Protein backbone atom coordinates (compact mmCIF):
# COMPACT_ATOMS: atom_id res chain seq x y z
CA MET A 1 2.00 -2.23 -22.84
CA ASN A 2 -1.79 -2.61 -23.07
CA GLN A 3 -1.78 -5.61 -20.79
CA LEU A 4 -0.36 -6.55 -17.43
CA LEU A 5 3.31 -7.14 -18.06
CA GLU A 6 3.91 -9.90 -15.53
CA ARG A 7 1.61 -12.49 -13.99
CA PRO A 8 2.02 -13.88 -10.49
CA ALA A 9 2.10 -17.66 -10.15
CA ARG A 10 -1.23 -19.45 -10.73
CA ARG A 11 -3.29 -19.85 -7.59
CA THR A 12 -4.93 -23.14 -6.62
CA THR A 13 -7.93 -21.70 -4.78
CA ALA A 14 -9.55 -18.26 -4.54
CA LYS A 15 -8.78 -18.13 -0.81
CA ALA A 16 -5.08 -18.77 -1.39
CA ARG A 17 -4.61 -15.69 -3.52
CA PRO A 18 -3.41 -12.62 -1.59
CA PRO A 19 -4.84 -9.16 -2.27
CA VAL A 20 -3.22 -7.25 -5.12
CA LEU A 21 -2.53 -3.63 -4.33
CA GLY A 22 -3.06 -1.04 -7.05
CA ILE A 23 -0.44 1.71 -6.68
CA ASP A 24 -0.73 5.03 -8.47
CA PHE A 25 2.72 6.53 -7.88
CA GLY A 26 2.27 10.07 -9.08
CA THR A 27 4.49 13.05 -9.73
CA SER A 28 2.56 15.21 -7.26
CA ASN A 29 0.37 12.73 -5.34
CA SER A 30 0.18 8.97 -4.82
CA ALA A 31 -2.75 6.67 -4.01
CA ALA A 32 -3.42 2.97 -3.44
CA ALA A 33 -6.36 0.56 -3.37
CA TRP A 34 -7.26 -3.12 -3.62
CA ILE A 35 -10.32 -5.33 -4.14
CA ASP A 36 -11.29 -7.35 -1.07
CA THR A 37 -12.48 -10.99 -1.03
CA LEU A 38 -16.11 -9.84 -1.37
CA GLY A 39 -15.32 -7.83 -4.48
CA GLY A 40 -15.48 -4.47 -2.72
CA LEU A 41 -13.04 -1.65 -3.45
CA GLN A 42 -10.78 -0.81 -0.52
CA VAL A 43 -9.21 2.63 -0.93
CA VAL A 44 -6.28 3.13 1.44
CA PRO A 45 -6.47 6.35 3.51
CA LEU A 46 -2.81 7.19 3.04
CA ALA A 47 -3.03 10.64 4.64
CA GLY A 48 -5.45 10.59 7.56
CA GLY A 49 -8.88 10.68 6.00
CA ARG A 50 -7.59 11.42 2.51
CA ALA A 51 -6.86 8.77 -0.08
CA GLU A 52 -4.00 10.65 -1.73
CA MET A 53 -0.70 11.65 -0.18
CA PRO A 54 1.76 14.14 -1.67
CA THR A 55 4.70 12.35 -3.26
CA ALA A 56 7.12 14.15 -0.97
CA LEU A 57 9.77 13.45 1.65
CA PHE A 58 11.25 15.86 4.18
CA PHE A 59 14.56 15.11 5.87
CA ALA A 60 14.34 17.02 9.16
CA GLY A 61 17.75 18.37 10.17
CA GLU A 62 17.32 18.77 13.91
CA THR A 63 15.64 15.42 14.61
CA GLN A 64 17.38 13.49 11.80
CA THR A 65 14.02 11.94 10.89
CA VAL A 66 12.19 11.52 7.59
CA LEU A 67 8.64 12.79 7.13
CA TYR A 68 6.38 11.78 4.25
CA GLY A 69 3.43 13.17 2.33
CA ALA A 70 1.41 15.95 3.93
CA GLU A 71 3.62 15.93 7.03
CA ALA A 72 6.65 16.53 4.81
CA MET A 73 5.03 19.53 3.12
CA GLN A 74 3.79 20.96 6.43
CA ALA A 75 7.23 20.72 8.04
CA TYR A 76 8.88 22.44 5.10
CA LEU A 77 6.30 25.23 4.85
CA ALA A 78 6.52 25.78 8.61
CA GLY A 79 10.19 26.64 8.19
CA THR A 80 11.58 23.50 9.83
CA GLU A 81 15.27 23.06 9.09
CA GLY A 82 15.83 20.26 6.59
CA ARG A 83 15.52 19.20 2.97
CA LEU A 84 12.32 18.68 0.96
CA LEU A 85 12.23 16.33 -2.04
CA ARG A 86 9.25 16.16 -4.36
CA SER A 87 8.36 15.01 -7.89
CA LEU A 88 10.69 11.98 -7.79
CA LYS A 89 8.71 10.42 -10.63
CA SER A 90 10.06 13.12 -12.96
CA LEU A 91 13.56 11.66 -12.49
CA LEU A 92 12.63 8.21 -13.81
CA GLY A 93 14.44 7.52 -17.05
CA SER A 94 17.08 10.18 -16.39
CA ARG A 95 20.66 9.97 -15.16
CA LEU A 96 19.69 11.97 -12.09
CA MET A 97 18.08 8.88 -10.55
CA ASP A 98 21.53 7.36 -9.89
CA GLU A 99 23.13 10.61 -8.75
CA TYR A 100 23.75 11.48 -5.10
CA THR A 101 22.33 14.40 -3.17
CA ALA A 102 23.14 15.77 0.29
CA VAL A 103 20.51 15.29 3.01
CA ASN A 104 21.18 15.86 6.71
CA GLY A 105 24.93 15.56 6.35
CA GLN A 106 24.89 12.36 4.34
CA SER A 107 24.87 11.55 0.65
CA LEU A 108 21.96 9.52 -0.74
CA ARG A 109 21.09 8.45 -4.26
CA PHE A 110 17.78 9.73 -5.57
CA TYR A 111 16.99 6.06 -6.24
CA ASP A 112 17.42 5.22 -2.55
CA ILE A 113 15.09 8.09 -1.66
CA LEU A 114 12.53 6.63 -4.09
CA VAL A 115 12.78 3.28 -2.29
CA LEU A 116 12.23 5.02 1.05
CA PHE A 117 8.99 6.50 -0.26
CA PHE A 118 7.78 3.12 -1.54
CA LYS A 119 8.59 1.50 1.81
CA GLU A 120 6.50 4.11 3.63
CA LEU A 121 3.61 3.76 1.19
CA LYS A 122 3.74 -0.03 1.62
CA ARG A 123 3.83 0.34 5.42
CA ARG A 124 0.74 2.58 5.44
CA CYS A 125 -1.14 0.17 3.21
CA GLU A 126 -0.24 -2.79 5.45
CA VAL A 127 -1.39 -0.93 8.56
CA HIS A 128 -4.76 -0.38 6.89
CA ALA A 129 -4.97 -3.95 5.57
CA GLY A 130 -3.80 -5.58 8.80
CA GLN A 131 -1.59 -7.97 6.84
CA PRO A 132 1.58 -8.02 4.74
CA LEU A 133 1.13 -6.93 1.14
CA THR A 134 3.51 -8.35 -1.46
CA HIS A 135 1.53 -8.25 -4.73
CA ALA A 136 0.99 -5.00 -6.61
CA VAL A 137 0.01 -3.51 -9.95
CA LEU A 138 1.95 -0.31 -10.66
CA GLY A 139 0.52 2.42 -12.83
CA ARG A 140 2.70 3.93 -15.51
CA PRO A 141 2.15 6.76 -18.01
CA VAL A 142 1.92 6.07 -21.72
CA HIS A 143 5.34 7.71 -21.99
CA PHE A 144 7.71 8.31 -19.10
CA VAL A 145 10.00 9.90 -21.68
CA ASP A 146 8.74 11.20 -25.01
CA ASP A 147 10.34 9.82 -28.19
CA ASP A 148 12.96 7.69 -26.43
CA ALA A 149 11.96 4.03 -26.11
CA GLU A 150 15.20 3.03 -24.37
CA ARG A 151 14.89 5.62 -21.61
CA ASP A 152 11.18 4.89 -21.31
CA ALA A 153 11.90 1.18 -20.70
CA GLN A 154 14.62 2.17 -18.23
CA ALA A 155 12.11 4.31 -16.32
CA GLN A 156 9.66 1.42 -15.92
CA ALA A 157 12.44 -0.95 -14.91
CA THR A 158 13.64 1.52 -12.26
CA LEU A 159 10.10 1.91 -10.91
CA GLU A 160 9.66 -1.85 -10.63
CA ARG A 161 13.10 -2.30 -9.05
CA ALA A 162 12.33 0.33 -6.41
CA ALA A 163 9.03 -1.41 -5.56
CA ARG A 164 10.85 -4.75 -5.25
CA ASP A 165 13.53 -3.22 -3.04
CA ALA A 166 10.71 -1.86 -0.88
CA GLY A 167 9.42 -5.41 -0.31
CA PHE A 168 6.95 -6.20 -3.09
CA THR A 169 7.65 -9.62 -4.61
CA HIS A 170 4.99 -9.94 -7.35
CA LEU A 171 4.66 -6.94 -9.66
CA SER A 172 2.98 -6.00 -12.90
CA CYS A 173 2.36 -2.71 -14.71
CA GLN A 174 -0.66 -1.17 -16.38
CA LEU A 175 -1.04 2.08 -18.29
CA GLU A 176 -2.62 4.73 -16.08
CA PRO A 177 -5.34 5.85 -18.54
CA ILE A 178 -6.41 2.22 -19.03
CA ALA A 179 -6.63 1.84 -15.27
CA ALA A 180 -8.81 4.96 -15.10
CA ALA A 181 -11.05 3.45 -17.79
CA LEU A 182 -11.43 0.23 -15.79
CA ASP A 183 -12.54 2.31 -12.81
CA TYR A 184 -15.07 4.27 -14.89
CA GLU A 185 -16.41 1.01 -16.37
CA GLN A 186 -17.81 0.09 -12.96
CA ARG A 187 -20.39 2.88 -13.45
CA VAL A 188 -21.43 2.60 -17.10
CA GLN A 189 -24.74 0.93 -17.99
CA GLY A 190 -23.96 -0.39 -21.45
CA GLU A 191 -21.57 -0.30 -24.41
CA THR A 192 -19.70 3.02 -24.39
CA THR A 193 -16.72 4.33 -26.30
CA ALA A 194 -14.73 6.62 -24.05
CA LEU A 195 -11.72 8.84 -24.36
CA VAL A 196 -9.98 8.70 -21.00
CA VAL A 197 -8.09 11.92 -20.29
CA ASP A 198 -5.64 11.40 -17.43
CA ILE A 199 -3.84 14.65 -16.55
CA GLY A 200 -1.25 13.93 -13.88
CA GLY A 201 1.54 15.93 -12.36
CA GLY A 202 4.12 15.08 -15.00
CA THR A 203 2.28 13.52 -17.95
CA SER A 204 -1.00 13.68 -19.85
CA ASP A 205 -2.22 10.29 -21.08
CA PHE A 206 -5.11 9.27 -23.30
CA THR A 207 -6.90 6.06 -24.18
CA VAL A 208 -9.84 5.38 -26.46
CA ILE A 209 -11.49 2.24 -25.14
CA ARG A 210 -14.74 0.32 -25.50
CA LEU A 211 -16.35 -0.16 -22.11
CA ASN A 212 -19.09 -2.57 -21.11
CA PRO A 213 -19.93 -3.87 -17.62
CA ALA A 214 -20.45 -7.32 -19.15
CA ARG A 215 -16.72 -7.46 -19.96
CA SER A 216 -15.43 -5.78 -16.80
CA GLN A 217 -14.28 -9.05 -15.19
CA ARG A 218 -12.07 -10.09 -18.09
CA HIS A 219 -8.33 -9.96 -17.60
CA ASP A 220 -7.40 -9.54 -21.26
CA ARG A 221 -8.99 -6.34 -22.60
CA ARG A 222 -6.64 -5.75 -25.49
CA ALA A 223 -9.43 -6.04 -28.06
CA ASP A 224 -11.30 -3.16 -26.40
CA ILE A 225 -8.33 -0.77 -26.36
CA LEU A 226 -8.54 1.18 -29.61
CA ALA A 227 -5.66 3.64 -29.15
CA THR A 228 -3.31 5.18 -26.58
CA THR A 229 -1.28 8.37 -26.74
CA GLY A 230 0.59 10.48 -24.21
CA ILE A 231 2.67 13.59 -23.79
CA HIS A 232 5.19 14.58 -21.14
CA LEU A 233 3.16 17.59 -19.95
CA GLY A 234 1.20 17.85 -16.71
CA GLY A 235 0.43 19.77 -13.56
CA THR A 236 4.02 20.45 -12.55
CA ASP A 237 4.65 21.97 -15.99
CA PHE A 238 1.62 24.22 -15.49
CA ASP A 239 3.03 25.24 -12.08
CA ARG A 240 6.37 26.09 -13.69
CA LEU A 241 4.78 28.25 -16.39
CA LEU A 242 2.64 30.12 -13.89
CA ASP A 243 5.58 30.63 -11.52
CA LEU A 244 7.60 32.09 -14.37
CA ALA A 245 4.69 34.35 -15.33
CA ALA A 246 3.55 35.53 -11.90
CA VAL A 247 6.46 35.32 -9.44
CA MET A 248 9.86 35.00 -11.10
CA PRO A 249 9.67 38.49 -12.72
CA LEU A 250 9.71 39.87 -9.16
CA LEU A 251 13.13 38.21 -8.77
CA GLY A 252 14.50 39.42 -12.08
CA TYR A 253 13.21 36.98 -14.70
CA ARG A 254 13.17 38.79 -18.07
CA HIS A 255 14.58 41.87 -16.34
CA GLN A 256 16.55 44.12 -18.66
CA GLY A 257 19.95 45.04 -17.19
CA ALA A 258 21.81 48.31 -17.50
CA GLY A 259 23.22 47.26 -20.87
CA GLY A 260 19.83 46.27 -22.20
CA ARG A 261 20.59 42.57 -21.89
CA PRO A 262 18.21 40.28 -19.97
CA VAL A 263 19.32 38.50 -16.82
CA PRO A 264 20.26 34.82 -17.60
CA ASN A 265 17.27 32.51 -17.27
CA SER A 266 18.74 29.30 -15.88
CA VAL A 267 18.38 30.13 -12.18
CA PHE A 268 14.69 31.01 -12.64
CA PHE A 269 13.97 27.82 -14.58
CA ASP A 270 15.50 25.73 -11.79
CA LEU A 271 13.54 27.59 -9.11
CA ALA A 272 10.28 27.06 -11.01
CA THR A 273 10.74 23.31 -11.61
CA TRP A 274 9.82 21.01 -8.72
CA HIS A 275 12.51 18.38 -9.21
CA LEU A 276 15.28 20.88 -10.05
CA ILE A 277 14.86 23.37 -7.21
CA HIS A 278 17.60 21.72 -5.15
CA GLN A 279 20.11 22.52 -7.91
CA ALA A 280 19.60 26.24 -7.28
CA TYR A 281 20.92 25.87 -3.72
CA THR A 282 24.32 24.38 -4.48
CA ARG A 283 27.42 26.42 -3.69
CA ARG A 284 28.18 26.80 -7.38
CA ALA A 285 24.62 27.97 -8.16
CA LEU A 286 24.65 30.48 -5.29
CA HIS A 287 27.97 31.89 -6.47
CA PHE A 288 26.61 32.19 -10.03
CA ALA A 289 23.50 34.02 -8.77
CA ALA A 290 25.55 36.39 -6.61
CA GLU A 291 27.71 37.24 -9.63
CA LEU A 292 24.59 38.34 -11.53
CA ARG A 293 24.38 41.54 -9.49
CA PRO A 294 25.97 43.75 -12.23
CA SER A 295 23.37 42.39 -14.69
CA TYR A 296 20.54 44.01 -12.73
CA ALA A 297 19.46 47.62 -13.25
CA ASP A 298 17.18 47.26 -10.21
CA PRO A 299 19.16 46.00 -7.17
CA VAL A 300 15.97 45.19 -5.24
CA LEU A 301 15.15 42.40 -7.68
CA HIS A 302 18.55 40.83 -7.15
CA GLN A 303 18.20 41.13 -3.37
CA ARG A 304 14.93 39.19 -3.56
CA LEU A 305 16.54 36.50 -5.71
CA MET A 306 19.35 36.01 -3.22
CA GLN A 307 16.87 36.01 -0.32
CA VAL A 308 14.95 33.16 -1.98
CA LEU A 309 18.09 31.19 -2.77
CA GLU A 310 19.85 31.67 0.56
CA GLY A 311 16.66 30.96 2.50
CA GLN A 312 15.82 28.00 0.23
CA HIS A 313 12.31 29.30 -0.41
CA GLY A 314 11.86 27.77 -3.88
CA HIS A 315 9.41 25.07 -2.81
CA ARG A 316 7.50 27.62 -0.72
CA LEU A 317 7.02 29.86 -3.75
CA LEU A 318 6.04 27.03 -6.05
CA SER A 319 3.59 25.63 -3.47
CA ALA A 320 1.94 29.04 -3.26
CA VAL A 321 1.68 29.19 -7.06
CA GLU A 322 0.17 25.69 -7.16
CA ALA A 323 -2.41 26.65 -4.54
CA ALA A 324 -3.32 29.82 -6.44
CA LYS A 325 -3.66 27.83 -9.69
CA ILE A 326 -6.14 25.46 -8.05
CA ALA A 327 -8.08 28.26 -6.34
CA CYS A 328 -8.37 30.33 -9.52
CA SER A 329 -9.38 27.32 -11.60
CA GLU A 330 -12.09 26.34 -9.12
CA SER A 331 -13.51 29.82 -8.47
CA GLY A 332 -12.77 31.72 -11.64
CA GLN A 333 -11.60 34.59 -9.42
CA LEU A 334 -8.24 36.20 -8.73
CA ALA A 335 -6.17 34.04 -6.35
CA ALA A 336 -3.49 35.90 -4.40
CA ILE A 337 0.07 34.66 -3.89
CA ASP A 338 1.38 35.93 -0.55
CA LEU A 339 4.96 37.15 -0.91
CA ALA A 340 5.08 39.31 2.20
CA PHE A 341 8.05 37.33 3.52
CA LEU A 342 10.09 38.85 0.66
CA GLY A 343 9.00 42.41 1.39
CA ALA A 344 6.14 44.29 3.00
CA GLY A 345 3.24 44.75 0.61
CA LEU A 346 4.75 42.52 -2.06
CA ASP A 347 2.24 40.17 -3.60
CA ALA A 348 1.25 38.53 -6.85
CA GLY A 349 -1.75 36.67 -8.13
CA ILE A 350 -3.29 34.45 -10.77
CA ASP A 351 -6.55 35.31 -12.49
CA THR A 352 -8.33 33.59 -15.37
CA GLY A 353 -6.59 35.81 -17.91
CA ARG A 354 -3.11 34.94 -16.65
CA LEU A 355 -4.11 31.29 -16.34
CA GLN A 356 -5.26 31.25 -19.96
CA GLU A 357 -2.30 33.21 -21.33
CA ALA A 358 0.44 31.31 -19.49
CA LEU A 359 -0.96 27.87 -20.27
CA GLN A 360 -2.36 28.44 -23.76
CA THR A 361 0.40 26.67 -25.68
CA SER A 362 0.66 23.72 -23.27
CA VAL A 363 -3.12 23.23 -23.13
CA ALA A 364 -3.23 23.25 -26.94
CA GLN A 365 -0.55 20.52 -27.02
CA VAL A 366 -2.50 18.39 -24.55
CA VAL A 367 -5.75 18.74 -26.50
CA GLN A 368 -3.94 17.98 -29.77
CA CYS A 369 -2.61 14.75 -28.23
CA ALA A 370 -6.15 13.86 -27.11
CA GLN A 371 -7.51 14.43 -30.62
CA ALA A 372 -4.66 12.35 -32.06
CA CYS A 373 -5.75 9.48 -29.83
CA VAL A 374 -9.30 9.63 -31.21
CA SER A 375 -7.96 9.73 -34.77
CA ALA A 376 -5.61 6.81 -34.10
CA ALA A 377 -8.64 4.82 -32.94
CA GLY A 378 -10.21 5.37 -36.35
CA ARG A 379 -13.00 7.49 -34.87
CA THR A 380 -14.31 10.96 -35.57
CA GLY A 381 -15.65 11.22 -32.04
CA VAL A 382 -16.42 9.36 -28.81
CA ASP A 383 -19.44 8.99 -26.54
CA VAL A 384 -17.72 10.18 -23.39
CA VAL A 385 -14.64 12.17 -22.42
CA TYR A 386 -13.72 10.89 -18.97
CA LEU A 387 -11.50 13.25 -16.96
CA THR A 388 -9.22 12.01 -14.22
CA GLY A 389 -5.89 12.97 -12.66
CA GLY A 390 -4.99 15.79 -10.30
CA SER A 391 -4.85 18.48 -13.01
CA SER A 392 -7.93 17.37 -14.97
CA ALA A 393 -10.10 20.11 -13.42
CA LEU A 394 -7.92 22.92 -14.78
CA ARG A 395 -10.41 25.41 -16.20
CA PRO A 396 -8.65 26.28 -19.52
CA LEU A 397 -8.12 22.58 -20.23
CA VAL A 398 -11.73 21.58 -19.58
CA GLU A 399 -12.98 24.43 -21.76
CA ALA A 400 -10.57 23.51 -24.57
CA LEU A 401 -11.63 19.84 -24.50
CA ARG A 402 -15.30 20.82 -24.54
CA THR A 403 -14.67 23.02 -27.59
CA ALA A 404 -12.64 20.33 -29.38
CA MET A 405 -15.19 17.53 -28.74
CA PRO A 406 -18.61 19.20 -28.50
CA GLN A 407 -20.61 16.00 -29.17
CA ALA A 408 -19.09 14.04 -26.30
CA GLN A 409 -20.35 14.01 -22.74
CA LEU A 410 -17.72 15.30 -20.31
CA VAL A 411 -17.59 13.23 -17.14
CA GLU A 412 -15.39 14.22 -14.20
CA GLY A 413 -13.99 11.21 -12.39
CA ASN A 414 -12.15 10.77 -9.12
CA ARG A 415 -9.17 13.05 -9.73
CA PHE A 416 -6.80 11.41 -7.25
CA GLY A 417 -8.19 7.91 -6.65
CA GLY A 418 -9.51 6.79 -10.03
CA VAL A 419 -6.26 5.35 -11.37
CA ALA A 420 -5.49 3.48 -8.13
CA ALA A 421 -9.02 2.02 -8.15
CA GLY A 422 -8.61 0.89 -11.76
CA LEU A 423 -5.26 -0.69 -10.97
CA ALA A 424 -6.94 -2.55 -8.12
CA HIS A 425 -9.59 -3.88 -10.51
CA ALA A 426 -6.83 -4.91 -12.92
CA GLY A 427 -5.06 -6.76 -10.11
CA ALA A 428 -8.24 -8.54 -9.06
CA ALA A 429 -8.80 -9.69 -12.64
CA VAL A 430 -5.44 -11.48 -12.80
CA GLY A 431 -5.96 -15.23 -12.52
CA ARG A 432 -9.71 -15.15 -13.09
């Protein structure tokens, strides 16, 4: 997996070779880039002036149209009637990918929805490029699925098949942390051993790699890759834990009923997990939640739960938690979560203490995986810890990495565009 897995046909001249698009299809956000004929990096502005676009689709009920990215999130949060789908990457390697779901009165496979997203991403890239784009390098995590090689291979195959069905004809894959390293290599001055820490929405991936600008144009970099590790933990898992800690108790999570027994957890876990929220809205799930009423000693909590389920507010709550997580991590101050729509004066918040407490175990697992990567490389330390990925700026994580590797320089990379840029460099190196 430490090399491009498929090579397009050999070109006869440099001019004949089409641009190779680097696609970072992420759990929360996606990005794309390519290297132009002059060797310059072209980052695609997928969302207006922003390089990244949320990996989200919204099926608008009234207009029977499909919105993508930021427009999808805006329509949902504005209360537009329809169905929001997010975190499709989390379904790769699972049976859910081939299951059907109801959208706007029709039944679609999650796989077909994935293809729709790839088609839109391809269209936006082609508008920016002014030409058809058929060659691409897809990023992939070190592990789509932990400890299951068969399902992991299935996940990559599904990703490639969806890209082909969207119109790409020449595809290859590269590990996302290696791509991030190739991007960082464009800025180093000499030989450097780096631990690349790529914290995405669904996975955390690590690579120890030797970097040197003198070798940056080589296609085969296997000799420089000293170790790779990964764990199926990322930003969406942090959102889930914080939602369960800050918001779900206001709906009855861990509430002790009249008989001293806690309310069943399953409905709260679904509501707090991006790619499972839709399951909480099924007729069966609504009936189950309604039948929980005798389990509550406080009827107001149950009323709130039913209000969220019947109004399909799960994504709204989780989006508010995600925004508070980012705000608290950046400022170090309390970030409020507005819940006034569930009751006057009702609110919640995330401060540094809650951030640390809720994420302590998960952050420790991520850091342990990073340290295991350094050990697997046969090193006691590295020169640089290079941080990339949408969740790499999370305050407790950065502090834990600094404590675990005090001798290394911490460098913050492009959180959303670094992997796509590295994939573009990998694509440009093919055939050199």
